[in-house]
Amino acid sequence: ISVFDLLLNLPNYLFRLFLNVINPEALREFSADSLFIVESVSQILYFAQFSLNAFYLICIIYEAPKHAKPRRIE
């Protein structure tokens, strides 16, 4: 699950790193629409990580114990 979390967070971190490292003049060469799309996709993946964690917790960790059939005492 940790590997999936890292993979889903990676695009967002790379996008933020790109925005901090790139020259402001070079940033103007990119269209605002393309930057918006890349940012949106990276944000969707970032927040999908929380859904994956919730699914993991519900299905694997917090799964209700299976109740055995009651035994009849004779």
PDB file of N, CA and C in Angstrom:
ATOM      1  N   ILE A   1       0.837  -1.198   0.000  1.00  0.00           N
ATOM      2  CA  ILE A   1       0.000   0.000   0.000  1.00  0.00           C
ATOM      3  C   ILE A   1       0.878   1.257   0.000  1.00  0.00           C
ATOM      4  N   SER A   2       2.027   1.173   0.629  1.00  0.00           N
ATOM      5  CA  SER A   2       2.927   2.329   0.663  1.00  0.00           C
ATOM      6  C   SER A   2       3.460   2.665  -0.722  1.00  0.00           C
ATOM      7  N   VAL A   3       3.725   1.640  -1.512  1.00  0.00           N
ATOM      8  CA  VAL A   3       4.216   1.875  -2.875  1.00  0.00           C
ATOM      9  C   VAL A   3       3.147   2.580  -3.697  1.00  0.00           C
ATOM     10  N   PHE A   4       1.892   2.151  -3.559  1.00  0.00           N
ATOM     11  CA  PHE A   4       0.805   2.810  -4.286  1.00  0.00           C
ATOM     12  C   PHE A   4       0.650   4.258  -3.830  1.00  0.00           C
ATOM     13  N   ASP A   5       0.779   4.494  -2.523  1.00  0.00           N
ATOM     14  CA  ASP A   5       0.695   5.869  -2.020  1.00  0.00           C
ATOM     15  C   ASP A   5       1.791   6.744  -2.621  1.00  0.00           C
ATOM     16  N   LEU A   6       2.996   6.218  -2.658  1.00  0.00           N
ATOM     17  CA  LEU A   6       4.106   6.987  -3.231  1.00  0.00           C
ATOM     18  C   LEU A   6       3.902   7.246  -4.723  1.00  0.00           C
ATOM     19  N   LEU A   7       3.422   6.233  -5.441  1.00  0.00           N
ATOM     20  CA  LEU A   7       3.195   6.407  -6.882  1.00  0.00           C
ATOM     21  C   LEU A   7       2.084   7.416  -7.165  1.00  0.00           C
ATOM     22  N   LEU A   8       1.059   7.439  -6.327  1.00  0.00           N
ATOM     23  CA  LEU A   8      -0.029   8.394  -6.534  1.00  0.00           C
ATOM     24  C   LEU A   8       0.373   9.810  -6.124  1.00  0.00           C
ATOM     25  N   ASN A   9       1.309   9.936  -5.201  1.00  0.00           N
ATOM     26  CA  ASN A   9       1.787  11.258  -4.780  1.00  0.00           C
ATOM     27  C   ASN A   9       2.861  11.819  -5.703  1.00  0.00           C
ATOM     28  N   LEU A  10       3.563  10.953  -6.396  1.00  0.00           N
ATOM     29  CA  LEU A  10       4.706  11.372  -7.206  1.00  0.00           C
ATOM     30  C   LEU A  10       4.375  12.444  -8.251  1.00  0.00           C
ATOM     31  N   PRO A  11       3.298  12.323  -9.042  1.00  0.00           N
ATOM     32  CA  PRO A  11       3.027  13.373 -10.039  1.00  0.00           C
ATOM     33  C   PRO A  11       2.835  14.760  -9.418  1.00  0.00           C
ATOM     34  N   ASN A  12       2.173  14.812  -8.275  1.00  0.00           N
ATOM     35  CA  ASN A  12       1.958  16.098  -7.617  1.00  0.00           C
ATOM     36  C   ASN A  12       3.281  16.692  -7.147  1.00  0.00           C
ATOM     37  N   TYR A  13       4.131  15.864  -6.558  1.00  0.00           N
ATOM     38  CA  TYR A  13       5.431  16.349  -6.101  1.00  0.00           C
ATOM     39  C   TYR A  13       6.307  16.784  -7.268  1.00  0.00           C
ATOM     40  N   LEU A  14       6.288  16.030  -8.346  1.00  0.00           N
ATOM     41  CA  LEU A  14       7.090  16.401  -9.516  1.00  0.00           C
ATOM     42  C   LEU A  14       6.592  17.700 -10.143  1.00  0.00           C
ATOM     43  N   PHE A  15       5.271  17.879 -10.183  1.00  0.00           N
ATOM     44  CA  PHE A  15       4.715  19.115 -10.744  1.00  0.00           C
ATOM     45  C   PHE A  15       5.129  20.316  -9.899  1.00  0.00           C
ATOM     46  N   ARG A  16       5.037  20.176  -8.571  1.00  0.00           N
ATOM     47  CA  ARG A  16       5.442  21.276  -7.696  1.00  0.00           C
ATOM     48  C   ARG A  16       6.939  21.558  -7.805  1.00  0.00           C
ATOM     49  N   LEU A  17       7.731  20.499  -7.909  1.00  0.00           N
ATOM     50  CA  LEU A  17       9.169  20.676  -8.089  1.00  0.00           C
ATOM     51  C   LEU A  17       9.463  21.392  -9.402  1.00  0.00           C
ATOM     52  N   PHE A  18       8.769  21.000 -10.458  1.00  0.00           N
ATOM     53  CA  PHE A  18       8.928  21.636 -11.765  1.00  0.00           C
ATOM     54  C   PHE A  18       8.619  23.127 -11.689  1.00  0.00           C
ATOM     55  N   LEU A  19       7.523  23.481 -11.018  1.00  0.00           N
ATOM     56  CA  LEU A  19       7.151  24.894 -10.907  1.00  0.00           C
ATOM     57  C   LEU A  19       8.174  25.698 -10.105  1.00  0.00           C
ATOM     58  N   ASN A  20       8.813  25.071  -9.142  1.00  0.00           N
ATOM     59  CA  ASN A  20       9.805  25.778  -8.330  1.00  0.00           C
ATOM     60  C   ASN A  20      11.168  25.873  -8.992  1.00  0.00           C
ATOM     61  N   VAL A  21      11.483  24.939  -9.871  1.00  0.00           N
ATOM     62  CA  VAL A  21      12.812  24.893 -10.473  1.00  0.00           C
ATOM     63  C   VAL A  21      12.876  25.655 -11.791  1.00  0.00           C
ATOM     64  N   ILE A  22      11.800  25.650 -12.550  1.00  0.00           N
ATOM     65  CA  ILE A  22      11.823  26.232 -13.896  1.00  0.00           C
ATOM     66  C   ILE A  22      11.959  27.758 -13.828  1.00  0.00           C
ATOM     67  N   ASN A  23      12.613  28.278 -14.809  1.00  0.00           N
ATOM     68  CA  ASN A  23      12.787  29.721 -14.957  1.00  0.00           C
ATOM     69  C   ASN A  23      11.415  30.355 -15.241  1.00  0.00           C
ATOM     70  N   PRO A  24      11.070  31.461 -14.579  1.00  0.00           N
ATOM     71  CA  PRO A  24       9.762  32.086 -14.821  1.00  0.00           C
ATOM     72  C   PRO A  24       9.521  32.452 -16.288  1.00  0.00           C
ATOM     73  N   GLU A  25      10.573  32.826 -16.992  1.00  0.00           N
ATOM     74  CA  GLU A  25      10.399  33.154 -18.415  1.00  0.00           C
ATOM     75  C   GLU A  25      10.076  31.903 -19.224  1.00  0.00           C
ATOM     76  N   ALA A  26      10.683  30.785 -18.866  1.00  0.00           N
ATOM     77  CA  ALA A  26      10.385  29.525 -19.561  1.00  0.00           C
ATOM     78  C   ALA A  26       8.986  29.034 -19.213  1.00  0.00           C
ATOM     79  N   LEU A  27       8.523  29.373 -18.020  1.00  0.00           N
ATOM     80  CA  LEU A  27       7.178  28.965 -17.609  1.00  0.00           C
ATOM     81  C   LEU A  27       6.109  29.646 -18.454  1.00  0.00           C
ATOM     82  N   ARG A  28       6.399  30.841 -18.928  1.00  0.00           N
ATOM     83  CA  ARG A  28       5.431  31.574 -19.755  1.00  0.00           C
ATOM     84  C   ARG A  28       5.200  30.900 -21.105  1.00  0.00           C
ATOM     85  N   GLU A  29       6.146  30.052 -21.519  1.00  0.00           N
ATOM     86  CA  GLU A  29       5.995  29.353 -22.799  1.00  0.00           C
ATOM     87  C   GLU A  29       4.910  28.281 -22.745  1.00  0.00           C
ATOM     88  N   PHE A  30       4.592  27.815 -21.555  1.00  0.00           N
ATOM     89  CA  PHE A  30       3.539  26.812 -21.401  1.00  0.00           C
ATOM     90  C   PHE A  30       2.191  27.515 -21.337  1.00  0.00           C
ATOM     91  N   SER A  31       1.206  26.917 -21.956  1.00  0.00           N
ATOM     92  CA  SER A  31      -0.128  27.521 -21.900  1.00  0.00           C
ATOM     93  C   SER A  31      -0.732  27.268 -20.520  1.00  0.00           C
ATOM     94  N   ALA A  32      -1.562  28.188 -20.107  1.00  0.00           N
ATOM     95  CA  ALA A  32      -2.213  28.059 -18.803  1.00  0.00           C
ATOM     96  C   ALA A  32      -3.115  26.834 -18.773  1.00  0.00           C
ATOM     97  N   ASP A  33      -3.734  26.521 -19.924  1.00  0.00           N
ATOM     98  CA  ASP A  33      -4.613  25.348 -19.982  1.00  0.00           C
ATOM     99  C   ASP A  33      -3.843  24.052 -19.756  1.00  0.00           C
ATOM    100  N   SER A  34      -2.672  23.932 -20.366  1.00  0.00           N
ATOM    101  CA  SER A  34      -1.899  22.697 -20.193  1.00  0.00           C
ATOM    102  C   SER A  34      -1.405  22.558 -18.752  1.00  0.00           C
ATOM    103  N   LEU A  35      -0.987  23.659 -18.146  1.00  0.00           N
ATOM    104  CA  LEU A  35      -0.576  23.602 -16.743  1.00  0.00           C
ATOM    105  C   LEU A  35      -1.751  23.250 -15.842  1.00  0.00           C
ATOM    106  N   PHE A  36      -2.929  23.782 -16.161  1.00  0.00           N
ATOM    107  CA  PHE A  36      -4.121  23.482 -15.371  1.00  0.00           C
ATOM    108  C   PHE A  36      -4.477  22.002 -15.471  1.00  0.00           C
ATOM    109  N   ILE A  37      -4.382  21.437 -16.664  1.00  0.00           N
ATOM    110  CA  ILE A  37      -4.712  20.021 -16.854  1.00  0.00           C
ATOM    111  C   ILE A  37      -3.728  19.137 -16.097  1.00  0.00           C
ATOM    112  N   VAL A  38      -2.447  19.435 -16.206  1.00  0.00           N
ATOM    113  CA  VAL A  38      -1.435  18.644 -15.497  1.00  0.00           C
ATOM    114  C   VAL A  38      -1.635  18.749 -13.991  1.00  0.00           C
ATOM    115  N   GLU A  39      -1.913  19.954 -13.515  1.00  0.00           N
ATOM    116  CA  GLU A  39      -2.146  20.135 -12.085  1.00  0.00           C
ATOM    117  C   GLU A  39      -3.396  19.388 -11.636  1.00  0.00           C
ATOM    118  N   SER A  40      -4.451  19.434 -12.430  1.00  0.00           N
ATOM    119  CA  SER A  40      -5.693  18.750 -12.073  1.00  0.00           C
ATOM    120  C   SER A  40      -5.501  17.240 -11.991  1.00  0.00           C
ATOM    121  N   VAL A  41      -4.821  16.685 -12.969  1.00  0.00           N
ATOM    122  CA  VAL A  41      -4.580  15.236 -12.960  1.00  0.00           C
ATOM    123  C   VAL A  41      -3.720  14.846 -11.760  1.00  0.00           C
ATOM    124  N   SER A  42      -2.697  15.633 -11.478  1.00  0.00           N
ATOM    125  CA  SER A  42      -1.840  15.309 -10.336  1.00  0.00           C
ATOM    126  C   SER A  42      -2.606  15.428  -9.019  1.00  0.00           C
ATOM    127  N   GLN A  43      -3.516  16.391  -8.930  1.00  0.00           N
ATOM    128  CA  GLN A  43      -4.334  16.529  -7.721  1.00  0.00           C
ATOM    129  C   GLN A  43      -5.318  15.371  -7.576  1.00  0.00           C
ATOM    130  N   ILE A  44      -5.896  14.930  -8.686  1.00  0.00           N
ATOM    131  CA  ILE A  44      -6.818  13.788  -8.639  1.00  0.00           C
ATOM    132  C   ILE A  44      -6.085  12.545  -8.144  1.00  0.00           C
ATOM    133  N   LEU A  45      -4.888  12.309  -8.662  1.00  0.00           N
ATOM    134  CA  LEU A  45      -4.106  11.159  -8.207  1.00  0.00           C
ATOM    135  C   LEU A  45      -3.716  11.302  -6.741  1.00  0.00           C
ATOM    136  N   TYR A  46      -3.378  12.516  -6.335  1.00  0.00           N
ATOM    137  CA  TYR A  46      -2.993  12.766  -4.946  1.00  0.00           C
ATOM    138  C   TYR A  46      -4.143  12.434  -4.000  1.00  0.00           C
ATOM    139  N   PHE A  47      -5.344  12.886  -4.338  1.00  0.00           N
ATOM    140  CA  PHE A  47      -6.483  12.627  -3.461  1.00  0.00           C
ATOM    141  C   PHE A  47      -7.043  11.217  -3.633  1.00  0.00           C
ATOM    142  N   ALA A  48      -6.753  10.565  -4.741  1.00  0.00           N
ATOM    143  CA  ALA A  48      -7.146   9.166  -4.908  1.00  0.00           C
ATOM    144  C   ALA A  48      -6.406   8.286  -3.910  1.00  0.00           C
ATOM    145  N   GLN A  49      -5.253   8.732  -3.496  1.00  0.00           N
ATOM    146  CA  GLN A  49      -4.494   7.998  -2.487  1.00  0.00           C
ATOM    147  C   GLN A  49      -5.306   7.850  -1.206  1.00  0.00           C
ATOM    148  N   PHE A  50      -6.029   8.887  -0.809  1.00  0.00           N
ATOM    149  CA  PHE A  50      -6.836   8.809   0.402  1.00  0.00           C
ATOM    150  C   PHE A  50      -7.979   7.812   0.235  1.00  0.00           C
ATOM    151  N   SER A  51      -8.551   7.756  -0.954  1.00  0.00           N
ATOM    152  CA  SER A  51      -9.601   6.774  -1.220  1.00  0.00           C
ATOM    153  C   SER A  51      -9.041   5.362  -1.163  1.00  0.00           C
ATOM    154  N   LEU A  52      -7.856   5.173  -1.716  1.00  0.00           N
ATOM    155  CA  LEU A  52      -7.216   3.861  -1.671  1.00  0.00           C
ATOM    156  C   LEU A  52      -6.934   3.454  -0.229  1.00  0.00           C
ATOM    157  N   ASN A  53      -6.460   4.388   0.575  1.00  0.00           N
ATOM    158  CA  ASN A  53      -6.209   4.084   1.988  1.00  0.00           C
ATOM    159  C   ASN A  53      -7.498   3.738   2.718  1.00  0.00           C
ATOM    160  N   ALA A  54      -8.573   4.466   2.444  1.00  0.00           N
ATOM    161  CA  ALA A  54      -9.855   4.174   3.082  1.00  0.00           C
ATOM    162  C   ALA A  54     -10.356   2.794   2.676  1.00  0.00           C
ATOM    163  N   PHE A  55     -10.251   2.473   1.399  1.00  0.00           N
ATOM    164  CA  PHE A  55     -10.669   1.154   0.914  1.00  0.00           C
ATOM    165  C   PHE A  55      -9.846   0.057   1.586  1.00  0.00           C
ATOM    166  N   TYR A  56      -8.555   0.272   1.694  1.00  0.00           N
ATOM    167  CA  TYR A  56      -7.666  -0.697   2.342  1.00  0.00           C
ATOM    168  C   TYR A  56      -8.061  -0.898   3.804  1.00  0.00           C
ATOM    169  N   LEU A  57      -8.312   0.199   4.505  1.00  0.00           N
ATOM    170  CA  LEU A  57      -8.680   0.084   5.916  1.00  0.00           C
ATOM    171  C   LEU A  57     -10.015  -0.622   6.099  1.00  0.00           C
ATOM    172  N   ILE A  58     -10.984  -0.292   5.271  1.00  0.00           N
ATOM    173  CA  ILE A  58     -12.313  -0.889   5.405  1.00  0.00           C
ATOM    174  C   ILE A  58     -12.292  -2.374   5.065  1.00  0.00           C
ATOM    175  N   CYS A  59     -11.651  -2.724   3.978  1.00  0.00           N
ATOM    176  CA  CYS A  59     -11.709  -4.107   3.488  1.00  0.00           C
ATOM    177  C   CYS A  59     -10.708  -5.042   4.151  1.00  0.00           C
ATOM    178  N   ILE A  60      -9.574  -4.542   4.547  1.00  0.00           N
ATOM    179  CA  ILE A  60      -8.523  -5.428   5.055  1.00  0.00           C
ATOM    180  C   ILE A  60      -8.351  -5.290   6.569  1.00  0.00           C
ATOM    181  N   ILE A  61      -8.169  -4.090   7.029  1.00  0.00           N
ATOM    182  CA  ILE A  61      -7.830  -3.886   8.436  1.00  0.00           C
ATOM    183  C   ILE A  61      -9.055  -3.989   9.338  1.00  0.00           C
ATOM    184  N   TYR A  62     -10.120  -3.275   8.997  1.00  0.00           N
ATOM    185  CA  TYR A  62     -11.285  -3.214   9.875  1.00  0.00           C
ATOM    186  C   TYR A  62     -12.376  -4.199   9.489  1.00  0.00           C
ATOM    187  N   GLU A  63     -12.029  -5.217   8.745  1.00  0.00           N
ATOM    188  CA  GLU A  63     -13.039  -6.191   8.337  1.00  0.00           C
ATOM    189  C   GLU A  63     -13.602  -6.859   9.585  1.00  0.00           C
ATOM    190  N   ALA A  64     -14.915  -6.932   9.632  1.00  0.00           N
ATOM    191  CA  ALA A  64     -15.576  -7.531  10.788  1.00  0.00           C
ATOM    192  C   ALA A  64     -15.207  -9.007  10.870  1.00  0.00           C
ATOM    193  N   PRO A  65     -14.961  -9.488  12.075  1.00  0.00           N
ATOM    194  CA  PRO A  65     -14.625 -10.910  12.199  1.00  0.00           C
ATOM    195  C   PRO A  65     -15.811 -11.778  11.795  1.00  0.00           C
ATOM    196  N   LYS A  66     -15.501 -12.873  11.190  1.00  0.00           N
ATOM    197  CA  LYS A  66     -16.544 -13.799  10.771  1.00  0.00           C
ATOM    198  C   LYS A  66     -17.051 -14.530  12.011  1.00  0.00           C
ATOM    199  N   HIS A  67     -18.354 -14.537  12.183  1.00  0.00           N
ATOM    200  CA  HIS A  67     -18.950 -15.216  13.327  1.00  0.00           C
ATOM    201  C   HIS A  67     -19.193 -16.673  12.975  1.00  0.00           C
ATOM    202  N   ALA A  68     -18.761 -17.525  13.869  1.00  0.00           N
ATOM    203  CA  ALA A  68     -18.997 -18.952  13.676  1.00  0.00           C
ATOM    204  C   ALA A  68     -20.442 -19.265  14.043  1.00  0.00           C
ATOM    205  N   LYS A  69     -20.954 -20.314  13.447  1.00  0.00           N
ATOM    206  CA  LYS A  69     -22.316 -20.729  13.776  1.00  0.00           C
ATOM    207  C   LYS A  69     -22.343 -21.193  15.231  1.00  0.00           C
ATOM    208  N   PRO A  70     -23.375 -20.813  15.954  1.00  0.00           N
ATOM    209  CA  PRO A  70     -23.446 -21.248  17.358  1.00  0.00           C
ATOM    210  C   PRO A  70     -23.604 -22.770  17.436  1.00  0.00           C
ATOM    211  N   ARG A  71     -22.920 -23.345  18.395  1.00  0.00           N
ATOM    212  CA  ARG A  71     -23.001 -24.791  18.587  1.00  0.00           C
ATOM    213  C   ARG A  71     -24.158 -25.126  19.510  1.00  0.00           C
ATOM    214  N   ARG A  72     -24.789 -26.199  19.176  1.00  0.00           N
ATOM    215  CA  ARG A  72     -25.863 -26.685  20.052  1.00  0.00           C
ATOM    216  C   ARG A  72     -25.256 -27.623  21.077  1.00  0.00           C
ATOM    217  N   ILE A  73     -25.573 -27.380  22.289  1.00  0.00           N
ATOM    218  CA  ILE A  73     -25.083 -28.249  23.359  1.00  0.00           C
ATOM    219  C   ILE A  73     -26.134 -29.315  23.596  1.00  0.00           C
ATOM    220  N   GLU A  74     -25.718 -30.554  23.506  1.00  0.00           N
ATOM    221  CA  GLU A  74     -26.674 -31.655  23.681  1.00  0.00           C
ATOM    222  C   GLU A  74     -26.418 -32.378  24.956  1.00  0.00           C
TER     223      GLU A  74
END
